[in-house]
Amino acid sequence: MKIYKKDITETLFSTLFIAGGFIVGSSIMRSIINGELTFRDDNLFVFIIAFVVAVIFQVRKVLKRQDKVNN
């Protein structure tokens, strides 16, 4: 089994997005517990953007794999 550089970078990026999501998510949870969360909170927008980008990234990866299987 060959390990491709592309696979390593994809895995690294998705891991970074997930880790960033956990970090931002935990700070959001802390603000909710403290009752300080407003919808103008910057962390909320950062979390949503990171989550959307991570989802798009994972979907593209799965679609590419399906393409390889089908061809």
N, C-alpha and C. Protein backbone atom coordinates (compact mmCIF):
# COMPACT_ATOMS: atom_id res chain seq x y z
N MET A 1 0.85 -1.20 0.00
CA MET A 1 0.00 0.00 0.00
C MET A 1 0.88 1.25 0.00
N LYS A 2 0.67 2.08 -0.98
CA LYS A 2 1.44 3.32 -1.07
C LYS A 2 0.77 4.41 -0.25
N ILE A 3 1.57 5.26 0.35
CA ILE A 3 1.04 6.41 1.06
C ILE A 3 1.34 7.64 0.20
N TYR A 4 0.29 8.31 -0.22
CA TYR A 4 0.46 9.47 -1.09
C TYR A 4 0.51 10.74 -0.25
N LYS A 5 1.31 11.68 -0.74
CA LYS A 5 1.45 12.97 -0.05
C LYS A 5 0.10 13.68 0.06
N LYS A 6 -0.71 13.55 -0.99
CA LYS A 6 -2.03 14.20 -1.03
C LYS A 6 -2.93 13.68 0.10
N ASP A 7 -2.90 12.35 0.32
CA ASP A 7 -3.71 11.76 1.39
C ASP A 7 -3.29 12.29 2.74
N ILE A 8 -1.98 12.44 2.93
CA ILE A 8 -1.47 12.94 4.21
C ILE A 8 -1.94 14.36 4.44
N THR A 9 -1.87 15.22 3.40
CA THR A 9 -2.29 16.61 3.58
C THR A 9 -3.79 16.70 3.82
N GLU A 10 -4.58 15.86 3.12
CA GLU A 10 -6.03 15.87 3.35
C GLU A 10 -6.36 15.48 4.77
N THR A 11 -5.69 14.43 5.26
CA THR A 11 -5.94 13.98 6.62
C THR A 11 -5.52 15.04 7.63
N LEU A 12 -4.38 15.67 7.36
CA LEU A 12 -3.88 16.71 8.26
C LEU A 12 -4.85 17.88 8.32
N PHE A 13 -5.33 18.33 7.14
CA PHE A 13 -6.25 19.46 7.11
C PHE A 13 -7.56 19.13 7.82
N SER A 14 -8.11 17.95 7.56
CA SER A 14 -9.38 17.61 8.21
C SER A 14 -9.19 17.50 9.72
N THR A 15 -8.04 16.98 10.15
CA THR A 15 -7.77 16.90 11.59
C THR A 15 -7.65 18.29 12.19
N LEU A 16 -7.00 19.20 11.47
CA LEU A 16 -6.88 20.58 11.97
C LEU A 16 -8.24 21.25 12.07
N PHE A 17 -9.11 21.04 11.07
CA PHE A 17 -10.45 21.63 11.11
C PHE A 17 -11.24 21.09 12.29
N ILE A 18 -11.15 19.77 12.51
CA ILE A 18 -11.89 19.16 13.62
C ILE A 18 -11.37 19.68 14.95
N ALA A 19 -10.03 19.77 15.07
CA ALA A 19 -9.43 20.28 16.31
C ALA A 19 -9.83 21.73 16.54
N GLY A 20 -9.80 22.54 15.48
CA GLY A 20 -10.23 23.93 15.59
C GLY A 20 -11.68 24.03 15.99
N GLY A 21 -12.51 23.15 15.44
CA GLY A 21 -13.92 23.12 15.80
C GLY A 21 -14.12 22.80 17.26
N PHE A 22 -13.34 21.85 17.77
CA PHE A 22 -13.45 21.50 19.20
C PHE A 22 -13.02 22.67 20.08
N ILE A 23 -11.93 23.33 19.70
CA ILE A 23 -11.43 24.45 20.50
C ILE A 23 -12.46 25.58 20.55
N VAL A 24 -12.95 25.97 19.36
CA VAL A 24 -13.93 27.06 19.31
C VAL A 24 -15.24 26.62 19.96
N GLY A 25 -15.63 25.37 19.72
CA GLY A 25 -16.86 24.84 20.31
C GLY A 25 -16.82 24.84 21.83
N SER A 26 -15.67 24.50 22.39
CA SER A 26 -15.57 24.49 23.85
C SER A 26 -15.66 25.90 24.42
N SER A 27 -15.10 26.88 23.70
CA SER A 27 -15.21 28.26 24.18
C SER A 27 -16.66 28.75 24.07
N ILE A 28 -17.38 28.29 23.02
CA ILE A 28 -18.80 28.65 22.90
C ILE A 28 -19.59 28.02 24.05
N MET A 29 -19.30 26.74 24.35
CA MET A 29 -19.99 26.08 25.45
C MET A 29 -19.74 26.81 26.77
N ARG A 30 -18.51 27.27 26.96
CA ARG A 30 -18.17 28.01 28.18
C ARG A 30 -19.00 29.29 28.26
N SER A 31 -19.15 29.99 27.10
CA SER A 31 -19.94 31.22 27.13
C SER A 31 -21.42 30.94 27.38
N ILE A 32 -21.92 29.80 26.85
CA ILE A 32 -23.32 29.45 27.09
C ILE A 32 -23.53 29.16 28.58
N ILE A 33 -22.59 28.42 29.18
CA ILE A 33 -22.70 28.08 30.60
C ILE A 33 -22.65 29.35 31.45
N ASN A 34 -21.78 30.28 31.06
CA ASN A 34 -21.68 31.55 31.80
C ASN A 34 -22.80 32.51 31.45
N GLY A 35 -23.60 32.18 30.43
CA GLY A 35 -24.72 33.03 30.03
C GLY A 35 -24.28 34.28 29.32
N GLU A 36 -23.15 34.23 28.62
CA GLU A 36 -22.63 35.43 27.97
C GLU A 36 -22.74 35.37 26.45
N LEU A 37 -23.37 34.32 25.91
CA LEU A 37 -23.36 34.14 24.45
C LEU A 37 -24.34 35.09 23.77
N THR A 38 -23.84 35.85 22.83
CA THR A 38 -24.71 36.67 21.98
C THR A 38 -24.48 36.21 20.55
N PHE A 39 -25.41 36.50 19.67
CA PHE A 39 -25.25 36.06 18.29
C PHE A 39 -24.27 36.94 17.53
N ARG A 40 -23.78 37.99 18.17
CA ARG A 40 -22.72 38.79 17.55
C ARG A 40 -21.35 38.28 17.99
N ASP A 41 -21.36 37.15 18.69
CA ASP A 41 -20.10 36.58 19.18
C ASP A 41 -19.24 36.13 18.00
N ASP A 42 -18.00 36.58 17.96
CA ASP A 42 -17.10 36.23 16.85
C ASP A 42 -16.84 34.73 16.78
N ASN A 43 -16.71 34.10 17.94
CA ASN A 43 -16.40 32.67 17.97
C ASN A 43 -17.46 31.85 17.26
N LEU A 44 -18.71 32.28 17.36
CA LEU A 44 -19.80 31.54 16.72
C LEU A 44 -19.62 31.54 15.21
N PHE A 45 -19.29 32.70 14.65
CA PHE A 45 -19.10 32.78 13.20
C PHE A 45 -17.88 31.98 12.76
N VAL A 46 -16.80 32.06 13.53
CA VAL A 46 -15.59 31.29 13.20
C VAL A 46 -15.91 29.80 13.21
N PHE A 47 -16.67 29.37 14.21
CA PHE A 47 -17.04 27.95 14.32
C PHE A 47 -17.88 27.51 13.13
N ILE A 48 -18.86 28.33 12.77
CA ILE A 48 -19.75 27.97 11.64
C ILE A 48 -18.94 27.89 10.34
N ILE A 49 -18.06 28.87 10.12
CA ILE A 49 -17.25 28.87 8.89
C ILE A 49 -16.33 27.64 8.86
N ALA A 50 -15.67 27.35 9.99
CA ALA A 50 -14.76 26.20 10.05
C ALA A 50 -15.53 24.91 9.81
N PHE A 51 -16.74 24.82 10.38
CA PHE A 51 -17.55 23.61 10.23
C PHE A 51 -17.96 23.42 8.78
N VAL A 52 -18.42 24.49 8.13
CA VAL A 52 -18.85 24.40 6.73
C VAL A 52 -17.68 24.01 5.83
N VAL A 53 -16.52 24.64 6.06
CA VAL A 53 -15.35 24.32 5.24
C VAL A 53 -14.94 22.85 5.44
N ALA A 54 -14.97 22.39 6.69
CA ALA A 54 -14.60 21.00 6.97
C ALA A 54 -15.57 20.03 6.29
N VAL A 55 -16.86 20.34 6.33
CA VAL A 55 -17.86 19.48 5.69
C VAL A 55 -17.63 19.43 4.18
N ILE A 56 -17.41 20.60 3.56
CA ILE A 56 -17.16 20.65 2.11
C ILE A 56 -15.92 19.83 1.77
N PHE A 57 -14.88 19.97 2.59
CA PHE A 57 -13.62 19.27 2.37
C PHE A 57 -13.83 17.75 2.42
N GLN A 58 -14.57 17.28 3.45
CA GLN A 58 -14.80 15.85 3.60
C GLN A 58 -15.67 15.31 2.47
N VAL A 59 -16.69 16.06 2.05
CA VAL A 59 -17.57 15.61 0.97
C VAL A 59 -16.78 15.48 -0.33
N ARG A 60 -15.90 16.47 -0.61
CA ARG A 60 -15.08 16.39 -1.81
C ARG A 60 -14.18 15.17 -1.79
N LYS A 61 -13.62 14.87 -0.61
CA LYS A 61 -12.73 13.71 -0.49
C LYS A 61 -13.50 12.42 -0.78
N VAL A 62 -14.70 12.31 -0.23
CA VAL A 62 -15.51 11.11 -0.44
C VAL A 62 -15.91 10.99 -1.91
N LEU A 63 -16.30 12.10 -2.53
CA LEU A 63 -16.69 12.06 -3.94
C LEU A 63 -15.53 11.65 -4.83
N LYS A 64 -14.32 12.13 -4.52
CA LYS A 64 -13.14 11.74 -5.30
C LYS A 64 -12.89 10.24 -5.19
N ARG A 65 -13.03 9.71 -3.98
CA ARG A 65 -12.82 8.26 -3.79
C ARG A 65 -13.85 7.46 -4.56
N GLN A 66 -15.12 7.93 -4.54
CA GLN A 66 -16.17 7.21 -5.27
C GLN A 66 -15.89 7.24 -6.77
N ASP A 67 -15.35 8.38 -7.25
CA ASP A 67 -14.99 8.49 -8.66
C ASP A 67 -13.95 7.45 -9.03
N LYS A 68 -12.93 7.29 -8.17
CA LYS A 68 -11.87 6.32 -8.44
C LYS A 68 -12.42 4.90 -8.45
N VAL A 69 -13.38 4.61 -7.55
CA VAL A 69 -13.96 3.27 -7.48
C VAL A 69 -14.79 3.00 -8.73
N ASN A 70 -15.55 4.00 -9.17
CA ASN A 70 -16.43 3.82 -10.33
C ASN A 70 -15.66 3.68 -11.64
N ASN A 71 -14.50 4.32 -11.74
CA ASN A 71 -13.75 4.26 -13.02
C ASN A 71 -12.87 3.07 -13.07
